[in-house]
Every structure is written in structure tokens, then in C-alpha cells.
Amino acid sequence: MTQTLALITGASGGIGLELARLHARKGGDLLLVARRGDVLDDIAADLRQAHGVTVDTVAADLTTLEGVRATVAAAEGRPVEVLINNAGYGGRGLFVERDLSDDLAMVDLNVKALMVLCHSVGAAMVARGRGRILNVASTAGMMPGPLQATYFASKAFVRSFSFALAEEMRGTGVTVTALSPGYVVTGFAARADLDGTDLTKSGRSAASVAKVGYDAMRLGKLEVVNEPALSFASKAVLPFVPTRALMRMVRKMQTK
């Protein structure tokens, strides 16, 4: 992936930042997108100095139509060969008691922005006959998520959508990979009000998850789960757990 341009959303921290660092270390140029423009500018300066790559930034809120349009405009006419849809957030609580506007914004970011970028950037990739797309899903997308109903459902969409795109783009030179990690130690838990729950008692580093996802993307894999034991459980255990029992387990993990 050296000397290729990667567009990465949610690049100001966590998995997105680590993916940006990985790509820069391999000599790849970057187009970084996040809400915090000042943080992005500092990251861009560090990556330019450390690796001699070109790094451009887009300060955009992808929960808004204006932010999505600004990102699409920044990518137009540029040879984006790697698209990484990483931006996303969750939120804990009973759905009917949560602020509906927050959950709708979550769908706008986790689902709609990803769709728009896959459509616009993906079409350009197909026209050129090459490209790699990495969509950050989650093992949450493999089950219903009581107390995070919207987040789990949004990641189920990302996972299903990525699989379908991968098949539609087969033979075009463009691959689509879904990264489905378990809990990752980032700012996600604080934003989602999950600190202090069983779900966050242990997790993997953003750097380790980013490497697993980046390597799988380079190989054109359909999906990757960052932990072998979790990967096994998702395929050999979860499908056989009664749905109501699984939902009770998920709810307990997210209860304070």
C-alpha cells in the first residue's frame, strides 16, 4: 500500500489514528477526516515530519449533510485507493429513554456517511480498476444489543452492507473488508457511557486492532475479527445460543 492515498474517517484518535500511522509508516499519503480540526492538524504535522508523506485534513462533522458533502468534495478528482470508514459512536441506555436525536445522529454517522463514501469513492475506484475499502464494523453487529440497540443495529448494517459490496465488486479490482473487533480501549466507552460495565473490563489496544484490520484489508479479506478466540466464538458458539439468552447476556454486560 505504499505511495497510495488513503481517506480515513474518525482519524483524530483511537483505531482511526492508528490506521493513519500504519499507512504513513508504509509511505502512503493521507486524507484525514474528523470533527476536531485542530487535533487533525497536529496529527498531520507529526506524520509529515516522521514519514515524509503528504497529509491533508478535512474538519467535518459526518453526522451532518454538510460534513459529508465536504468530505466527498475533498476526495473528488483525487486517486483515493484506500477508503477506511472508521468514524462511529455508541450510546448506552433504554432506547425509549434516550434522546432520539442522538440515536438518529448515530445512524447518520455509523450508516449514512459510510454509505455515501462507499458510493462516491467506491465508484471512482471501480472506474480505475483498483482499490481497497475497510469498513469498521464490530462483533456487536453479530447480535442484538439491549441497552445499545441502535449502535448494535448500525454495526449489523455495516457488516451486511460490506459483505454485499464485496460481492458486487468482485472482479473489479476493488475489495471490501469488514473489521469486526471486540471491545477496544479508546474514547468510545466514555462517549457511550459504558465505563464501569463488564463489557469494558478488558479490551485490546487500538494499535493492535488497527494492524489486524489493515493487514486484512491489504489481503482483500471479507471479514476479520481481531481476537482468535472471539472469532471462533462468533462462528461456532453464538449461532447456537438461544436469542433471548444471548440478549440477556449482552444486557448484563452493559448494565452498571
Protein backbone atom coordinates (compact mmCIF):
# COMPACT_ATOMS: atom_id res chain seq x y z
CA MET A 1 0.00 0.00 0.00
CA THR A 2 2.98 2.36 -0.30
CA GLN A 3 2.58 5.60 -2.28
CA THR A 4 -1.20 5.35 -2.21
CA LEU A 5 -3.71 7.86 -0.91
CA ALA A 6 -5.91 6.72 1.97
CA LEU A 7 -9.03 8.53 3.13
CA ILE A 8 -9.65 7.76 6.81
CA THR A 9 -12.65 8.99 8.81
CA GLY A 10 -12.57 9.33 12.58
CA ALA A 11 -8.83 9.86 12.30
CA SER A 12 -8.30 12.08 15.35
CA GLY A 13 -7.98 9.20 17.81
CA GLY A 14 -8.40 5.51 18.53
CA ILE A 15 -8.39 2.99 15.68
CA GLY A 16 -8.56 5.71 13.01
CA LEU A 17 -5.41 7.42 14.26
CA GLU A 18 -3.54 4.11 14.47
CA LEU A 19 -4.59 3.23 10.92
CA ALA A 20 -3.29 6.60 9.75
CA ARG A 21 0.04 5.94 11.45
CA LEU A 22 0.26 2.49 9.88
CA HIS A 23 -0.40 3.80 6.40
CA ALA A 24 2.07 6.66 6.79
CA ARG A 25 4.78 4.29 8.00
CA LYS A 26 4.34 2.39 4.74
CA GLY A 27 4.86 5.60 2.76
CA GLY A 28 1.21 6.24 1.98
CA ASP A 29 -0.35 9.69 1.67
CA LEU A 30 -3.39 10.56 3.74
CA LEU A 31 -6.65 12.47 3.67
CA LEU A 32 -7.79 12.56 7.29
CA VAL A 33 -11.33 13.42 8.38
CA ALA A 34 -12.64 14.22 11.86
CA ARG A 35 -14.60 16.89 13.71
CA ARG A 36 -11.60 18.24 15.64
CA GLY A 37 -9.66 20.21 13.06
CA ASP A 38 -7.01 21.43 15.49
CA VAL A 39 -6.23 17.88 16.60
CA LEU A 40 -6.11 16.71 12.97
CA ASP A 41 -3.68 19.49 12.07
CA ASP A 42 -1.30 18.41 14.85
CA ILE A 43 -1.52 14.77 13.76
CA ALA A 44 -0.90 15.73 10.14
CA ALA A 45 2.19 17.74 11.07
CA ASP A 46 3.61 14.85 13.09
CA LEU A 47 3.03 12.34 10.28
CA ARG A 48 4.54 14.60 7.63
CA GLN A 49 7.66 15.14 9.72
CA ALA A 50 8.05 11.50 10.74
CA HIS A 51 7.40 9.85 7.38
CA GLY A 52 7.72 12.48 4.64
CA VAL A 53 4.21 11.80 3.33
CA THR A 54 1.52 14.19 2.13
CA VAL A 55 -1.26 14.61 4.68
CA ASP A 56 -4.36 16.71 4.06
CA THR A 57 -7.18 17.19 6.54
CA VAL A 58 -10.90 17.81 6.47
CA ALA A 59 -12.53 19.16 9.64
CA ALA A 60 -16.05 17.81 9.18
CA ASP A 61 -18.91 16.52 11.30
CA LEU A 62 -20.09 13.45 9.41
CA THR A 63 -23.38 13.39 11.29
CA THR A 64 -24.36 16.34 9.09
CA LEU A 65 -25.05 16.55 5.37
CA GLU A 66 -22.63 19.48 5.14
CA GLY A 67 -19.82 17.43 6.69
CA VAL A 68 -20.40 14.51 4.33
CA ARG A 69 -20.51 16.82 1.31
CA ALA A 70 -17.25 18.49 2.36
CA THR A 71 -15.57 15.10 2.63
CA VAL A 72 -16.86 13.93 -0.76
CA ALA A 73 -15.70 17.21 -2.32
CA ALA A 74 -12.22 16.80 -0.81
CA ALA A 75 -11.92 13.32 -2.34
CA GLU A 76 -13.24 14.21 -5.80
CA GLY A 77 -10.65 14.14 -8.56
CA ARG A 78 -8.06 12.52 -6.30
CA PRO A 79 -6.75 8.96 -6.65
CA VAL A 80 -8.07 7.63 -3.35
CA GLU A 81 -7.01 3.98 -3.39
CA VAL A 82 -7.80 3.18 0.23
CA LEU A 83 -11.07 4.15 1.92
CA ILE A 84 -11.34 3.47 5.64
CA ASN A 85 -14.72 4.19 7.20
CA ASN A 86 -13.84 4.22 10.88
CA ALA A 87 -15.90 7.09 12.33
CA GLY A 88 -18.68 6.00 14.65
CA TYR A 89 -20.01 6.12 18.18
CA GLY A 90 -22.39 4.32 20.54
CA GLY A 91 -24.67 5.24 23.40
CA ARG A 92 -25.92 3.26 26.39
CA GLY A 93 -29.44 3.32 27.78
CA LEU A 94 -33.00 2.20 27.20
CA PHE A 95 -33.91 3.27 23.68
CA VAL A 96 -37.24 4.90 24.62
CA GLU A 97 -35.49 6.93 27.35
CA ARG A 98 -32.58 8.11 25.23
CA ASP A 99 -32.54 11.38 23.32
CA LEU A 100 -33.83 10.29 19.92
CA SER A 101 -31.78 12.97 18.16
CA ASP A 102 -28.58 11.35 19.47
CA ASP A 103 -29.54 7.94 18.09
CA LEU A 104 -30.56 9.44 14.75
CA ALA A 105 -27.20 11.22 14.55
CA MET A 106 -25.57 7.88 15.36
CA VAL A 107 -27.29 6.35 12.34
CA ASP A 108 -26.25 9.33 10.21
CA LEU A 109 -22.60 8.74 11.15
CA ASN A 110 -22.35 4.97 11.51
CA VAL A 111 -24.52 4.17 8.49
CA LYS A 112 -25.34 7.08 6.16
CA ALA A 113 -21.91 8.70 5.97
CA LEU A 114 -20.33 5.30 5.34
CA MET A 115 -22.82 4.59 2.56
CA VAL A 116 -22.18 7.92 0.85
CA LEU A 117 -18.40 7.50 0.91
CA CYS A 118 -18.59 3.90 -0.30
CA HIS A 119 -20.79 5.10 -3.16
CA SER A 120 -18.74 8.12 -4.25
CA VAL A 121 -15.20 6.87 -3.56
CA GLY A 122 -16.08 3.27 -4.41
CA ALA A 123 -17.42 4.27 -7.83
CA ALA A 124 -14.17 6.08 -8.61
CA MET A 125 -12.19 3.03 -7.51
CA VAL A 126 -14.20 0.74 -9.79
CA ALA A 127 -13.68 3.14 -12.69
CA ARG A 128 -9.89 2.97 -12.12
CA GLY A 129 -9.99 -0.80 -11.63
CA ARG A 130 -8.34 -0.90 -8.20
CA GLY A 131 -8.91 -0.01 -4.57
CA ARG A 132 -9.33 -1.22 -1.02
CA ILE A 133 -12.23 -0.41 1.31
CA LEU A 134 -12.12 -1.14 5.05
CA ASN A 135 -15.35 -0.62 6.98
CA VAL A 136 -15.05 -0.77 10.76
CA ALA A 137 -17.95 -2.89 11.96
CA SER A 138 -17.95 -4.74 15.30
CA THR A 139 -18.74 -8.08 16.89
CA ALA A 140 -21.70 -6.07 18.19
CA GLY A 141 -23.07 -6.40 14.66
CA MET A 142 -23.40 -10.16 15.15
CA MET A 143 -26.14 -9.94 17.81
CA PRO A 144 -28.92 -7.73 19.17
CA GLY A 145 -27.74 -5.19 21.75
CA PRO A 146 -30.16 -4.34 24.56
CA LEU A 147 -29.03 -1.03 26.16
CA GLN A 148 -27.24 -0.15 22.92
CA ALA A 149 -29.99 -1.07 20.50
CA THR A 150 -29.16 1.50 17.84
CA TYR A 151 -25.39 1.01 17.95
CA PHE A 152 -25.55 -2.78 17.62
CA ALA A 153 -28.09 -2.47 14.79
CA SER A 154 -25.92 0.09 12.99
CA LYS A 155 -22.94 -2.26 13.08
CA ALA A 156 -25.10 -5.12 11.82
CA PHE A 157 -25.88 -2.89 8.85
CA VAL A 158 -22.20 -2.09 8.28
CA ARG A 159 -21.29 -5.77 8.33
CA SER A 160 -24.08 -6.85 5.98
CA PHE A 161 -23.56 -3.90 3.65
CA SER A 162 -19.82 -4.59 3.44
CA PHE A 163 -20.37 -8.23 2.55
CA ALA A 164 -22.83 -7.31 -0.21
CA LEU A 165 -20.50 -4.66 -1.64
CA ALA A 166 -17.61 -7.13 -1.63
CA GLU A 167 -19.64 -9.50 -3.79
CA GLU A 168 -20.89 -6.75 -6.11
CA MET A 169 -17.33 -5.50 -6.63
CA ARG A 170 -15.81 -8.94 -7.14
CA GLY A 171 -13.77 -8.90 -10.33
CA THR A 172 -13.49 -5.10 -10.49
CA GLY A 173 -10.12 -4.83 -8.74
CA VAL A 174 -11.78 -3.33 -5.65
CA THR A 175 -12.11 -5.28 -2.40
CA VAL A 176 -14.23 -4.59 0.69
CA THR A 177 -13.24 -5.79 4.15
CA ALA A 178 -15.24 -5.60 7.39
CA LEU A 179 -13.22 -5.23 10.58
CA SER A 180 -15.28 -6.64 13.45
CA PRO A 181 -13.38 -6.18 16.71
CA GLY A 182 -14.47 -6.87 20.24
CA TYR A 183 -14.09 -4.16 22.86
CA VAL A 184 -11.22 -1.78 22.07
CA VAL A 185 -9.64 0.60 24.60
CA THR A 186 -10.39 4.02 23.09
CA GLY A 187 -12.56 7.00 23.95
CA PHE A 188 -15.58 5.01 22.76
CA ALA A 189 -16.56 3.76 26.24
CA ALA A 190 -16.65 7.22 27.77
CA ARG A 191 -18.70 8.61 24.88
CA ALA A 192 -21.11 5.67 25.10
CA ASP A 193 -21.41 5.79 28.93
CA LEU A 194 -20.00 2.26 29.22
CA ASP A 195 -17.24 2.87 31.77
CA GLY A 196 -17.77 0.63 34.79
CA THR A 197 -19.65 -2.11 32.91
CA ASP A 198 -18.48 -5.70 32.48
CA LEU A 199 -18.06 -5.02 28.77
CA THR A 200 -15.15 -2.66 29.40
CA LYS A 201 -13.27 -4.72 32.00
CA SER A 202 -10.80 -5.86 29.38
CA GLY A 203 -10.07 -4.90 25.80
CA ARG A 204 -7.46 -4.75 23.08
CA SER A 205 -5.38 -1.73 22.15
CA ALA A 206 -6.36 0.43 19.21
CA ALA A 207 -2.93 -0.15 17.67
CA SER A 208 -3.28 -3.94 17.69
CA VAL A 209 -6.79 -3.82 16.22
CA ALA A 210 -5.72 -1.35 13.54
CA LYS A 211 -2.91 -3.67 12.42
CA VAL A 212 -5.24 -6.66 12.17
CA GLY A 213 -7.70 -4.65 10.10
CA TYR A 214 -5.08 -3.03 7.89
CA ASP A 215 -3.39 -6.34 7.10
CA ALA A 216 -6.73 -7.99 6.30
CA MET A 217 -7.64 -5.09 4.02
CA ARG A 218 -4.36 -5.38 2.12
CA LEU A 219 -5.08 -9.08 1.55
CA GLY A 220 -8.62 -8.35 0.40
CA LYS A 221 -10.25 -10.49 3.11
CA LEU A 222 -14.02 -10.34 3.53
CA GLU A 223 -14.02 -10.00 7.33
CA VAL A 224 -11.59 -10.14 10.20
CA VAL A 225 -12.15 -10.38 13.96
CA ASN A 226 -9.16 -9.18 15.95
CA GLU A 227 -9.07 -11.99 18.54
CA PRO A 228 -8.84 -15.69 17.50
CA ALA A 229 -10.95 -16.83 20.46
CA LEU A 230 -13.59 -14.23 19.70
CA SER A 231 -13.54 -15.18 16.03
CA PHE A 232 -14.12 -18.82 16.95
CA ALA A 233 -16.94 -17.93 19.33
CA SER A 234 -18.66 -15.76 16.74
CA LYS A 235 -18.75 -18.61 14.23
CA ALA A 236 -19.04 -21.74 16.39
CA VAL A 237 -20.83 -20.61 19.54
CA LEU A 238 -23.03 -17.53 19.05
CA PRO A 239 -25.18 -19.05 16.26
CA PHE A 240 -26.30 -21.79 18.66
CA VAL A 241 -27.10 -19.63 21.70
CA PRO A 242 -30.86 -19.00 22.05
CA THR A 243 -31.58 -15.41 21.09
CA ARG A 244 -33.28 -14.43 24.34
CA ALA A 245 -30.43 -15.91 26.37
CA LEU A 246 -27.92 -14.01 24.23
CA MET A 247 -29.82 -10.74 24.70
CA ARG A 248 -29.91 -11.19 28.47
CA MET A 249 -26.17 -11.77 28.46
CA VAL A 250 -25.50 -8.66 26.38
CA ARG A 251 -27.77 -6.56 28.58
CA LYS A 252 -26.00 -7.74 31.73
CA MET A 253 -22.60 -6.87 30.24
CA GLN A 254 -23.76 -3.30 29.61
CA THR A 255 -25.57 -2.73 32.91
CA LYS A 256 -23.93 -0.63 35.62
